[in-house]
Amino acid sequence: MTADIVNLKRVKKNAAREAAAKTAEANRLAFGRTKAERQKTEAVQALETKRLDGHKLGE
């Protein structure tokens, strides 16, 4: 029975790279929008807020 020699430093670095890649992918999904997409979302939210405020009763 022979054992494979494993460089622990290399294993740790590979694990860290994989974790960083997963984090980067999640960030790309969450924050990776174009300027036009962000502006469109902001405009839609502003319109919805304006429409909702228009239905409020006077205080």
PDB file of N, CA and C in Angstrom:
ATOM      1  N   MET A   1       0.851  -1.172   0.000  1.00  0.00           N
ATOM      2  CA  MET A   1       0.000   0.000   0.000  1.00  0.00           C
ATOM      3  C   MET A   1       0.899   1.239   0.000  1.00  0.00           C
ATOM      4  N   THR A   2       0.688   2.111  -0.991  1.00  0.00           N
ATOM      5  CA  THR A   2       1.487   3.331  -1.053  1.00  0.00           C
ATOM      6  C   THR A   2       0.580   4.526  -0.865  1.00  0.00           C
ATOM      7  N   ALA A   3       1.136   5.543  -0.245  1.00  0.00           N
ATOM      8  CA  ALA A   3       0.378   6.767  -0.002  1.00  0.00           C
ATOM      9  C   ALA A   3       0.852   7.844  -0.964  1.00  0.00           C
ATOM     10  N   ASP A   4      -0.084   8.643  -1.425  1.00  0.00           N
ATOM     11  CA  ASP A   4       0.277   9.758  -2.285  1.00  0.00           C
ATOM     12  C   ASP A   4       0.761  10.907  -1.417  1.00  0.00           C
ATOM     13  N   ILE A   5       1.813  11.562  -1.868  1.00  0.00           N
ATOM     14  CA  ILE A   5       2.344  12.710  -1.144  1.00  0.00           C
ATOM     15  C   ILE A   5       1.501  13.919  -1.524  1.00  0.00           C
ATOM     16  N   VAL A   6       1.021  14.637  -0.503  1.00  0.00           N
ATOM     17  CA  VAL A   6       0.152  15.785  -0.726  1.00  0.00           C
ATOM     18  C   VAL A   6       0.806  17.020  -0.135  1.00  0.00           C
ATOM     19  N   ASN A   7       0.897  18.056  -0.930  1.00  0.00           N
ATOM     20  CA  ASN A   7       1.421  19.318  -0.442  1.00  0.00           C
ATOM     21  C   ASN A   7       0.256  20.086   0.180  1.00  0.00           C
ATOM     22  N   LEU A   8       0.239  20.208   1.500  1.00  0.00           N
ATOM     23  CA  LEU A   8      -0.881  20.831   2.200  1.00  0.00           C
ATOM     24  C   LEU A   8      -1.049  22.295   1.828  1.00  0.00           C
ATOM     25  N   LYS A   9       0.066  22.956   1.581  1.00  0.00           N
ATOM     26  CA  LYS A   9      -0.002  24.373   1.208  1.00  0.00           C
ATOM     27  C   LYS A   9      -0.778  24.539  -0.098  1.00  0.00           C
ATOM     28  N   ARG A  10      -0.512  23.636  -1.037  1.00  0.00           N
ATOM     29  CA  ARG A  10      -1.183  23.685  -2.333  1.00  0.00           C
ATOM     30  C   ARG A  10      -2.675  23.368  -2.191  1.00  0.00           C
ATOM     31  N   VAL A  11      -2.993  22.399  -1.334  1.00  0.00           N
ATOM     32  CA  VAL A  11      -4.396  22.030  -1.108  1.00  0.00           C
ATOM     33  C   VAL A  11      -5.153  23.204  -0.501  1.00  0.00           C
ATOM     34  N   LYS A  12      -4.548  23.866   0.488  1.00  0.00           N
ATOM     35  CA  LYS A  12      -5.195  25.019   1.138  1.00  0.00           C
ATOM     36  C   LYS A  12      -5.410  26.151   0.139  1.00  0.00           C
ATOM     37  N   LYS A  13      -4.407  26.407  -0.700  1.00  0.00           N
ATOM     38  CA  LYS A  13      -4.540  27.470  -1.695  1.00  0.00           C
ATOM     39  C   LYS A  13      -5.654  27.164  -2.689  1.00  0.00           C
ATOM     40  N   ASN A  14      -5.741  25.912  -3.119  1.00  0.00           N
ATOM     41  CA  ASN A  14      -6.804  25.529  -4.060  1.00  0.00           C
ATOM     42  C   ASN A  14      -8.176  25.676  -3.417  1.00  0.00           C
ATOM     43  N   ALA A  15      -8.294  25.305  -2.142  1.00  0.00           N
ATOM     44  CA  ALA A  15      -9.573  25.442  -1.437  1.00  0.00           C
ATOM     45  C   ALA A  15      -9.946  26.915  -1.314  1.00  0.00           C
ATOM     46  N   ALA A  16      -8.961  27.767  -1.023  1.00  0.00           N
ATOM     47  CA  ALA A  16      -9.222  29.197  -0.915  1.00  0.00           C
ATOM     48  C   ALA A  16      -9.641  29.777  -2.260  1.00  0.00           C
ATOM     49  N   ARG A  17      -9.009  29.328  -3.338  1.00  0.00           N
ATOM     50  CA  ARG A  17      -9.373  29.801  -4.687  1.00  0.00           C
ATOM     51  C   ARG A  17     -10.809  29.416  -5.034  1.00  0.00           C
ATOM     52  N   GLU A  18     -11.184  28.183  -4.693  1.00  0.00           N
ATOM     53  CA  GLU A  18     -12.543  27.725  -4.985  1.00  0.00           C
ATOM     54  C   GLU A  18     -13.572  28.524  -4.190  1.00  0.00           C
ATOM     55  N   ALA A  19     -13.268  28.813  -2.925  1.00  0.00           N
ATOM     56  CA  ALA A  19     -14.186  29.605  -2.106  1.00  0.00           C
ATOM     57  C   ALA A  19     -14.310  31.022  -2.666  1.00  0.00           C
ATOM     58  N   ALA A  20     -13.189  31.589  -3.092  1.00  0.00           N
ATOM     59  CA  ALA A  20     -13.214  32.933  -3.662  1.00  0.00           C
ATOM     60  C   ALA A  20     -13.995  32.945  -4.970  1.00  0.00           C
ATOM     61  N   ALA A  21     -13.879  31.896  -5.748  1.00  0.00           N
ATOM     62  CA  ALA A  21     -14.610  31.825  -7.014  1.00  0.00           C
ATOM     63  C   ALA A  21     -16.114  31.749  -6.760  1.00  0.00           C
ATOM     64  N   LYS A  22     -16.522  31.001  -5.742  1.00  0.00           N
ATOM     65  CA  LYS A  22     -17.946  30.920  -5.407  1.00  0.00           C
ATOM     66  C   LYS A  22     -18.474  32.278  -4.955  1.00  0.00           C
ATOM     67  N   THR A  23     -17.689  32.969  -4.132  1.00  0.00           N
ATOM     68  CA  THR A  23     -18.087  34.298  -3.666  1.00  0.00           C
ATOM     69  C   THR A  23     -18.185  35.271  -4.836  1.00  0.00           C
ATOM     70  N   ALA A  24     -17.225  35.204  -5.731  1.00  0.00           N
ATOM     71  CA  ALA A  24     -17.224  36.091  -6.897  1.00  0.00           C
ATOM     72  C   ALA A  24     -18.440  35.831  -7.778  1.00  0.00           C
ATOM     73  N   GLU A  25     -18.794  34.579  -7.956  1.00  0.00           N
ATOM     74  CA  GLU A  25     -19.963  34.243  -8.777  1.00  0.00           C
ATOM     75  C   GLU A  25     -21.240  34.803  -8.142  1.00  0.00           C
ATOM     76  N   ALA A  26     -21.344  34.660  -6.819  1.00  0.00           N
ATOM     77  CA  ALA A  26     -22.518  35.190  -6.123  1.00  0.00           C
ATOM     78  C   ALA A  26     -22.580  36.711  -6.262  1.00  0.00           C
ATOM     79  N   ASN A  27     -21.435  37.374  -6.168  1.00  0.00           N
ATOM     80  CA  ASN A  27     -21.403  38.831  -6.317  1.00  0.00           C
ATOM     81  C   ASN A  27     -21.759  39.257  -7.735  1.00  0.00           C
ATOM     82  N   ARG A  28     -21.308  38.488  -8.717  1.00  0.00           N
ATOM     83  CA  ARG A  28     -21.659  38.843 -10.101  1.00  0.00           C
ATOM     84  C   ARG A  28     -23.159  38.750 -10.309  1.00  0.00           C
ATOM     85  N   LEU A  29     -23.785  37.754  -9.706  1.00  0.00           N
ATOM     86  CA  LEU A  29     -25.234  37.628  -9.833  1.00  0.00           C
ATOM     87  C   LEU A  29     -25.956  38.751  -9.099  1.00  0.00           C
ATOM     88  N   ALA A  30     -25.458  39.134  -7.932  1.00  0.00           N
ATOM     89  CA  ALA A  30     -26.136  40.134  -7.120  1.00  0.00           C
ATOM     90  C   ALA A  30     -25.892  41.558  -7.622  1.00  0.00           C
ATOM     91  N   PHE A  31     -24.666  41.864  -8.011  1.00  0.00           N
ATOM     92  CA  PHE A  31     -24.314  43.245  -8.324  1.00  0.00           C
ATOM     93  C   PHE A  31     -23.946  43.482  -9.777  1.00  0.00           C
ATOM     94  N   GLY A  32     -23.895  42.452 -10.576  1.00  0.00           N
ATOM     95  CA  GLY A  32     -23.418  42.579 -11.950  1.00  0.00           C
ATOM     96  C   GLY A  32     -24.498  43.018 -12.911  1.00  0.00           C
ATOM     97  N   ARG A  33     -24.984  44.234 -12.736  1.00  0.00           N
ATOM     98  CA  ARG A  33     -25.993  44.755 -13.661  1.00  0.00           C
ATOM     99  C   ARG A  33     -25.405  45.950 -14.405  1.00  0.00           C
ATOM    100  N   THR A  34     -25.899  46.178 -15.609  1.00  0.00           N
ATOM    101  CA  THR A  34     -25.416  47.306 -16.387  1.00  0.00           C
ATOM    102  C   THR A  34     -26.037  48.591 -15.845  1.00  0.00           C
ATOM    103  N   LYS A  35     -25.477  49.704 -16.262  1.00  0.00           N
ATOM    104  CA  LYS A  35     -25.976  51.006 -15.823  1.00  0.00           C
ATOM    105  C   LYS A  35     -27.427  51.194 -16.272  1.00  0.00           C
ATOM    106  N   ALA A  36     -27.743  50.767 -17.473  1.00  0.00           N
ATOM    107  CA  ALA A  36     -29.108  50.903 -17.991  1.00  0.00           C
ATOM    108  C   ALA A  36     -30.092  50.085 -17.158  1.00  0.00           C
ATOM    109  N   GLU A  37     -29.690  48.883 -16.769  1.00  0.00           N
ATOM    110  CA  GLU A  37     -30.570  48.049 -15.943  1.00  0.00           C
ATOM    111  C   GLU A  37     -30.814  48.705 -14.581  1.00  0.00           C
ATOM    112  N   ARG A  38     -29.761  49.261 -13.984  1.00  0.00           N
ATOM    113  CA  ARG A  38     -29.911  49.947 -12.689  1.00  0.00           C
ATOM    114  C   ARG A  38     -30.836  51.146 -12.823  1.00  0.00           C
ATOM    115  N   GLN A  39     -30.655  51.941 -13.886  1.00  0.00           N
ATOM    116  CA  GLN A  39     -31.496  53.123 -14.086  1.00  0.00           C
ATOM    117  C   GLN A  39     -32.948  52.732 -14.308  1.00  0.00           C
ATOM    118  N   LYS A  40     -33.173  51.668 -15.039  1.00  0.00           N
ATOM    119  CA  LYS A  40     -34.542  51.212 -15.288  1.00  0.00           C
ATOM    120  C   LYS A  40     -35.196  50.783 -13.980  1.00  0.00           C
ATOM    121  N   THR A  41     -34.487  50.041 -13.166  1.00  0.00           N
ATOM    122  CA  THR A  41     -35.017  49.602 -11.878  1.00  0.00           C
ATOM    123  C   THR A  41     -35.346  50.796 -10.989  1.00  0.00           C
ATOM    124  N   GLU A  42     -34.439  51.772 -10.953  1.00  0.00           N
ATOM    125  CA  GLU A  42     -34.678  52.969 -10.148  1.00  0.00           C
ATOM    126  C   GLU A  42     -35.899  53.730 -10.650  1.00  0.00           C
ATOM    127  N   ALA A  43     -36.068  53.831 -11.962  1.00  0.00           N
ATOM    128  CA  ALA A  43     -37.208  54.543 -12.529  1.00  0.00           C
ATOM    129  C   ALA A  43     -38.517  53.832 -12.191  1.00  0.00           C
ATOM    130  N   VAL A  44     -38.522  52.515 -12.273  1.00  0.00           N
ATOM    131  CA  VAL A  44     -39.721  51.744 -11.945  1.00  0.00           C
ATOM    132  C   VAL A  44     -40.065  51.919 -10.472  1.00  0.00           C
ATOM    133  N   GLN A  45     -39.059  51.875  -9.599  1.00  0.00           N
ATOM    134  CA  GLN A  45     -39.307  52.048  -8.173  1.00  0.00           C
ATOM    135  C   GLN A  45     -39.821  53.453  -7.871  1.00  0.00           C
ATOM    136  N   ALA A  46     -39.272  54.458  -8.545  1.00  0.00           N
ATOM    137  CA  ALA A  46     -39.728  55.831  -8.343  1.00  0.00           C
ATOM    138  C   ALA A  46     -41.183  55.978  -8.786  1.00  0.00           C
ATOM    139  N   LEU A  47     -41.531  55.361  -9.907  1.00  0.00           N
ATOM    140  CA  LEU A  47     -42.905  55.431 -10.401  1.00  0.00           C
ATOM    141  C   LEU A  47     -43.868  54.747  -9.424  1.00  0.00           C
ATOM    142  N   GLU A  48     -43.460  53.597  -8.901  1.00  0.00           N
ATOM    143  CA  GLU A  48     -44.307  52.884  -7.942  1.00  0.00           C
ATOM    144  C   GLU A  48     -44.479  53.688  -6.654  1.00  0.00           C
ATOM    145  N   THR A  49     -43.414  54.308  -6.196  1.00  0.00           N
ATOM    146  CA  THR A  49     -43.491  55.140  -4.987  1.00  0.00           C
ATOM    147  C   THR A  49     -44.409  56.333  -5.220  1.00  0.00           C
ATOM    148  N   LYS A  50     -44.275  56.963  -6.372  1.00  0.00           N
ATOM    149  CA  LYS A  50     -45.114  58.115  -6.697  1.00  0.00           C
ATOM    150  C   LYS A  50     -46.585  57.700  -6.772  1.00  0.00           C
ATOM    151  N   ARG A  51     -46.852  56.559  -7.380  1.00  0.00           N
ATOM    152  CA  ARG A  51     -48.213  56.070  -7.511  1.00  0.00           C
ATOM    153  C   ARG A  51     -48.794  55.732  -6.133  1.00  0.00           C
ATOM    154  N   LEU A  52     -48.005  55.130  -5.275  1.00  0.00           N
ATOM    155  CA  LEU A  52     -48.460  54.783  -3.935  1.00  0.00           C
ATOM    156  C   LEU A  52     -48.707  56.049  -3.106  1.00  0.00           C
ATOM    157  N   ASP A  53     -47.827  57.017  -3.213  1.00  0.00           N
ATOM    158  CA  ASP A  53     -48.008  58.266  -2.467  1.00  0.00           C
ATOM    159  C   ASP A  53     -49.240  59.020  -2.951  1.00  0.00           C
ATOM    160  N   GLY A  54     -49.606  58.871  -4.213  1.00  0.00           N
ATOM    161  CA  GLY A  54     -50.786  59.536  -4.744  1.00  0.00           C
ATOM    162  C   GLY A  54     -52.081  58.984  -4.157  1.00  0.00           C
ATOM    163  N   HIS A  55     -52.042  57.786  -3.607  1.00  0.00           N
ATOM    164  CA  HIS A  55     -53.230  57.177  -3.040  1.00  0.00           C
ATOM    165  C   HIS A  55     -53.379  57.428  -1.539  1.00  0.00           C
ATOM    166  N   LYS A  56     -52.412  58.130  -0.946  1.00  0.00           N
ATOM    167  CA  LYS A  56     -52.484  58.393   0.486  1.00  0.00           C
ATOM    168  C   LYS A  56     -53.565  59.430   0.776  1.00  0.00           C
ATOM    169  N   LEU A  57     -54.152  59.286   1.912  1.00  0.00           N
ATOM    170  CA  LEU A  57     -55.150  60.263   2.359  1.00  0.00           C
ATOM    171  C   LEU A  57     -54.428  61.481   2.928  1.00  0.00           C
ATOM    172  N   GLY A  58     -55.011  62.647   2.784  1.00  0.00           N
ATOM    173  CA  GLY A  58     -54.408  63.857   3.313  1.00  0.00           C
ATOM    174  C   GLY A  58     -54.373  63.836   4.829  1.00  0.00           C
ATOM    175  N   GLU A  59     -53.321  64.353   5.395  1.00  0.00           N
ATOM    176  CA  GLU A  59     -53.168  64.352   6.855  1.00  0.00           C
ATOM    177  C   GLU A  59     -53.457  65.702   7.414  1.00  0.00           C
TER     178      GLU A  59
END
